Protein backbone atom coordinates (compact mmCIF):
# COMPACT_ATOMS: atom_id res chain seq x y z
CA MET A 1 80.33 2.59 -106.16
CA ASN A 2 78.17 3.71 -108.87
CA VAL A 3 80.31 6.99 -110.59
CA GLN A 4 76.85 8.90 -110.65
CA ASN A 5 76.98 8.93 -107.11
CA SER A 6 80.22 11.16 -107.64
CA PRO A 7 78.93 15.22 -107.58
CA THR A 8 81.42 15.54 -110.75
CA THR A 9 79.41 13.02 -112.78
CA LEU A 10 76.54 14.73 -114.93
CA GLY A 11 75.90 11.92 -117.57
CA ARG A 12 73.59 8.92 -117.60
CA PHE A 13 74.92 5.32 -118.20
CA ILE A 14 72.21 3.02 -120.04
CA THR A 15 72.39 -0.66 -120.13
CA ILE A 16 70.64 -2.79 -123.10
CA GLU A 17 70.47 -6.40 -122.36
CA GLY A 18 69.08 -9.42 -123.62
CA GLY A 19 69.63 -12.86 -125.45
CA GLU A 20 70.35 -13.51 -129.21
CA GLY A 21 68.08 -11.94 -131.72
CA CYS A 22 66.03 -10.01 -129.44
CA GLY A 23 66.60 -6.27 -131.11
CA LYS A 24 69.51 -5.31 -128.99
CA SER A 25 71.49 -3.39 -131.39
CA THR A 26 68.41 -1.81 -133.05
CA GLN A 27 66.85 -0.34 -129.86
CA THR A 28 70.33 1.20 -128.98
CA LYS A 29 70.36 3.11 -132.27
CA GLN A 30 66.80 3.97 -131.97
CA ILE A 31 67.33 5.07 -128.67
CA ALA A 32 70.10 6.91 -129.01
CA HIS A 33 68.62 8.96 -131.82
CA ARG A 34 65.49 9.93 -129.86
CA LEU A 35 67.51 11.22 -126.71
CA SER A 36 69.70 13.15 -129.38
CA LYS A 37 66.59 14.95 -130.81
CA LEU A 38 65.76 16.06 -127.25
CA GLY A 39 69.33 17.71 -127.13
CA LEU A 40 71.48 14.90 -125.15
CA ASP A 41 74.91 14.21 -125.79
CA VAL A 42 74.82 10.37 -126.45
CA ILE A 43 77.60 7.70 -127.25
CA ILE A 44 77.07 4.35 -128.17
CA THR A 45 79.38 1.51 -126.89
CA ARG A 46 79.49 -2.07 -126.82
CA GLU A 47 80.39 -5.20 -124.61
CA PRO A 48 82.87 -6.64 -124.84
CA GLY A 49 84.56 -3.98 -126.53
CA GLY A 50 84.29 -0.32 -126.41
CA THR A 51 88.26 0.15 -126.24
CA ASP A 52 90.88 -1.44 -128.28
CA ASN A 53 92.02 -3.40 -125.59
CA ALA A 54 88.52 -4.34 -124.85
CA GLU A 55 87.91 -5.08 -128.54
CA ALA A 56 91.28 -6.98 -128.59
CA ILE A 57 89.63 -9.53 -126.08
CA ARG A 58 86.31 -9.73 -127.60
CA GLU A 59 88.13 -11.28 -130.59
CA LEU A 60 89.62 -14.01 -128.14
CA LEU A 61 86.23 -14.54 -126.58
CA LEU A 62 83.94 -14.70 -129.65
CA ASN A 63 86.06 -16.37 -132.32
CA GLY A 64 87.47 -20.22 -132.29
CA GLY A 65 85.92 -23.45 -130.88
CA ASP A 66 83.26 -23.71 -128.27
CA ASN A 67 85.92 -25.30 -126.01
CA ARG A 68 88.72 -22.69 -126.57
CA TRP A 69 87.60 -21.17 -122.84
CA ASP A 70 86.37 -22.77 -120.04
CA SER A 71 83.39 -20.73 -118.28
CA ARG A 72 86.00 -19.84 -115.56
CA ALA A 73 88.45 -18.24 -118.18
CA GLU A 74 85.76 -16.68 -119.75
CA ALA A 75 84.37 -15.02 -117.02
CA LEU A 76 88.43 -13.22 -116.37
CA LEU A 77 88.15 -11.91 -119.72
CA PHE A 78 85.05 -10.71 -119.69
CA ALA A 79 85.72 -8.48 -116.44
CA ALA A 80 89.23 -7.68 -117.92
CA ALA A 81 87.56 -6.25 -120.84
CA ARG A 82 84.48 -4.65 -118.76
CA GLY A 83 87.40 -3.15 -116.21
CA ASP A 84 89.50 -1.22 -119.59
CA HIS A 85 85.87 -0.01 -120.95
CA VAL A 86 84.62 1.40 -117.76
CA ARG A 87 87.86 2.94 -116.66
CA ASN A 88 88.75 4.53 -120.16
CA LEU A 89 85.39 5.25 -121.92
CA ILE A 90 82.37 5.16 -120.08
CA LYS A 91 83.75 7.22 -116.61
CA PRO A 92 85.03 9.83 -118.75
CA ALA A 93 82.22 9.95 -120.79
CA LEU A 94 79.52 10.35 -117.84
CA ILE A 95 81.78 13.07 -116.58
CA ARG A 96 81.78 14.93 -119.62
CA GLY A 97 78.17 14.97 -119.06
CA GLN A 98 77.18 12.48 -121.99
CA TRP A 99 74.84 9.75 -121.94
CA VAL A 100 76.40 6.77 -122.57
CA LEU A 101 74.29 3.59 -124.03
CA CYS A 102 76.00 0.20 -123.94
CA ASP A 103 74.90 -3.02 -125.76
CA ARG A 104 75.60 -5.55 -122.93
CA PHE A 105 77.15 -5.02 -119.83
CA LEU A 106 77.35 -6.81 -116.50
CA GLU A 107 73.99 -8.30 -116.42
CA SER A 108 75.26 -10.34 -119.97
CA SER A 109 78.19 -11.77 -117.45
CA ARG A 110 76.00 -12.80 -115.10
CA ALA A 111 73.24 -14.20 -117.22
CA TYR A 112 75.95 -16.02 -119.87
CA GLN A 113 78.89 -16.68 -117.21
CA SER A 114 76.41 -17.64 -114.48
CA GLY A 115 73.02 -18.86 -115.73
CA GLY A 116 74.20 -20.16 -118.76
CA SER A 117 77.64 -21.77 -118.11
CA GLY A 118 77.24 -22.69 -113.99
CA LEU A 119 79.42 -20.11 -112.45
CA SER A 120 77.72 -18.66 -109.22
CA ASP A 121 76.40 -14.73 -109.34
CA ALA A 122 78.48 -14.46 -106.54
CA THR A 123 81.74 -15.23 -108.33
CA ILE A 124 80.84 -13.04 -111.60
CA LEU A 125 80.11 -10.28 -109.04
CA GLN A 126 83.19 -10.40 -107.16
CA LEU A 127 84.87 -10.01 -110.46
CA HIS A 128 83.11 -7.19 -111.75
CA ASN A 129 84.12 -5.61 -107.73
CA ILE A 130 87.74 -6.13 -108.52
CA GLY A 131 87.51 -5.43 -112.39
CA SER A 132 85.05 -2.54 -112.31
CA GLU A 133 84.91 -1.53 -108.85
CA GLY A 134 81.40 -2.50 -108.64
CA PHE A 135 80.45 0.29 -111.12
CA LEU A 136 76.82 -0.11 -111.95
CA PRO A 137 74.34 1.20 -114.56
CA ASP A 138 71.70 3.71 -113.95
CA ARG A 139 68.88 1.53 -115.64
CA VAL A 140 68.99 -1.81 -117.48
CA LEU A 141 66.94 -2.53 -119.81
CA VAL A 142 66.68 -5.98 -121.04
CA LEU A 143 64.78 -7.14 -124.26
CA ASP A 144 63.02 -10.22 -123.39
CA LEU A 145 61.77 -12.50 -126.60
CA ASP A 146 60.12 -15.68 -126.87
CA GLU A 147 62.65 -18.25 -128.49
CA ASP A 148 61.02 -19.23 -131.49
CA THR A 149 60.92 -15.55 -132.49
CA ALA A 150 64.48 -14.73 -131.49
CA ASN A 151 66.08 -17.69 -133.35
CA LYS A 152 64.10 -16.55 -136.85
CA ARG A 153 65.72 -12.71 -136.32
CA VAL A 154 69.04 -14.49 -135.68
CA PHE A 155 69.03 -16.93 -138.74
CA ILE A 156 67.60 -13.89 -141.02
CA ARG A 157 70.54 -11.85 -139.66
CA ASP A 158 73.32 -14.08 -139.54
CA GLY A 159 72.09 -17.20 -141.61
CA ASP A 160 73.85 -20.59 -140.29
CA VAL A 161 77.31 -18.42 -138.80
CA ARG A 162 77.42 -18.21 -134.97
CA ASP A 163 80.04 -16.79 -132.95
CA ARG A 164 81.14 -19.35 -130.21
CA ILE A 165 78.69 -18.26 -127.66
CA GLY A 166 75.74 -17.66 -129.64
CA GLY A 167 76.01 -20.97 -131.59
CA ARG A 168 75.96 -22.88 -128.21
CA PRO A 169 72.92 -25.45 -127.37
CA LYS A 170 69.09 -24.25 -126.92
CA GLU A 171 69.28 -25.50 -123.36
CA PHE A 172 71.93 -23.13 -122.94
CA HIS A 173 70.19 -19.94 -124.23
CA THR A 174 66.82 -21.12 -122.46
CA ALA A 175 68.96 -20.75 -119.20
CA VAL A 176 70.29 -17.50 -120.13
CA ARG A 177 66.86 -15.85 -120.88
CA GLN A 178 65.81 -17.26 -117.56
CA ALA A 179 68.38 -15.50 -115.52
CA PHE A 180 67.74 -12.21 -117.28
CA ARG A 181 64.18 -12.69 -116.03
CA ASP A 182 65.13 -13.58 -112.44
CA TYR A 183 67.47 -10.33 -112.61
CA ALA A 184 64.66 -7.94 -113.35
CA GLN A 185 62.28 -9.69 -110.47
CA GLN A 186 64.88 -9.18 -108.09
CA ASP A 187 65.77 -5.58 -108.76
CA SER A 188 62.80 -4.22 -110.56
CA GLU A 189 64.07 -0.42 -109.96
CA ARG A 190 66.73 -0.74 -111.72
CA ILE A 191 66.36 -3.39 -114.30
CA LYS A 192 63.17 -3.18 -116.37
CA LEU A 193 62.07 -6.19 -118.36
CA ILE A 194 60.35 -5.13 -121.75
CA ASP A 195 58.36 -7.13 -124.26
CA ALA A 196 60.91 -7.10 -127.83
CA GLY A 197 58.18 -9.03 -129.49
CA ALA A 198 56.30 -6.04 -130.56
CA ASP A 199 57.04 -3.44 -133.60
CA SER A 200 60.47 -1.72 -133.33
CA ASP A 201 59.16 1.83 -133.05
CA GLU A 202 56.88 0.58 -130.20
CA VAL A 203 59.49 -1.11 -128.10
CA THR A 204 61.48 2.35 -128.26
CA ASP A 205 58.24 4.14 -127.33
CA SER A 206 58.24 1.85 -124.07
CA ILE A 207 61.98 2.32 -123.57
CA MET A 208 61.41 5.99 -123.86
CA ASP A 209 58.86 6.30 -121.14
CA ILE A 210 60.89 3.64 -118.96
CA LEU A 211 63.67 6.47 -119.16
CA GLN A 212 61.19 9.75 -118.59
CA ASP A 213 62.49 10.12 -115.10
CA MET A 214 65.86 10.73 -115.97
CA ILE A 215 65.44 12.71 -118.74
CA ASN A 216 63.58 15.07 -116.79
CA ALA A 217 66.04 15.02 -113.71
């Protein structure tokens, strides 16, 4: 059950999703700045990570060879990291009345471990129900960017250096992008697809429009 259903919860939980090079980190910072200027108490976090235990799991997931973990082991590690993150950082912040902006969350696990790696979506959701008690964001912002532009941005940012997930073949990332697009179509009230190819400030403007109903609530 989403913690927002509890009368003791005052904050909001927003996740920023998308494939490699779509501008998640930039938009997370810009959204936080805009919300803070409105007088809201905002914190930024990320997945995998956010807590000491989850950051340790992040190192296991992103470093090493592509075959270090199979898809099932990856899914279990992501679910374990998320459970700790939700329990020890996200839910307490929401109860304090803070707005939490998270760079990746459940939809990334669905897109990368199901859409990209071949596990069923039901399996990922079941692991999420076990590890995080089915906790969901108030709003999911999916930054959608064509692959050529995304690859150019990644090269400018990282050169030829890739982590073990980002360095997977083109076909993998094509499947990931399509999975994100499918989720937005299936749950359009909660998951919003945003064109990330525009100027950075224009993308932020679009996101703020999408969040306006929660800001005014």
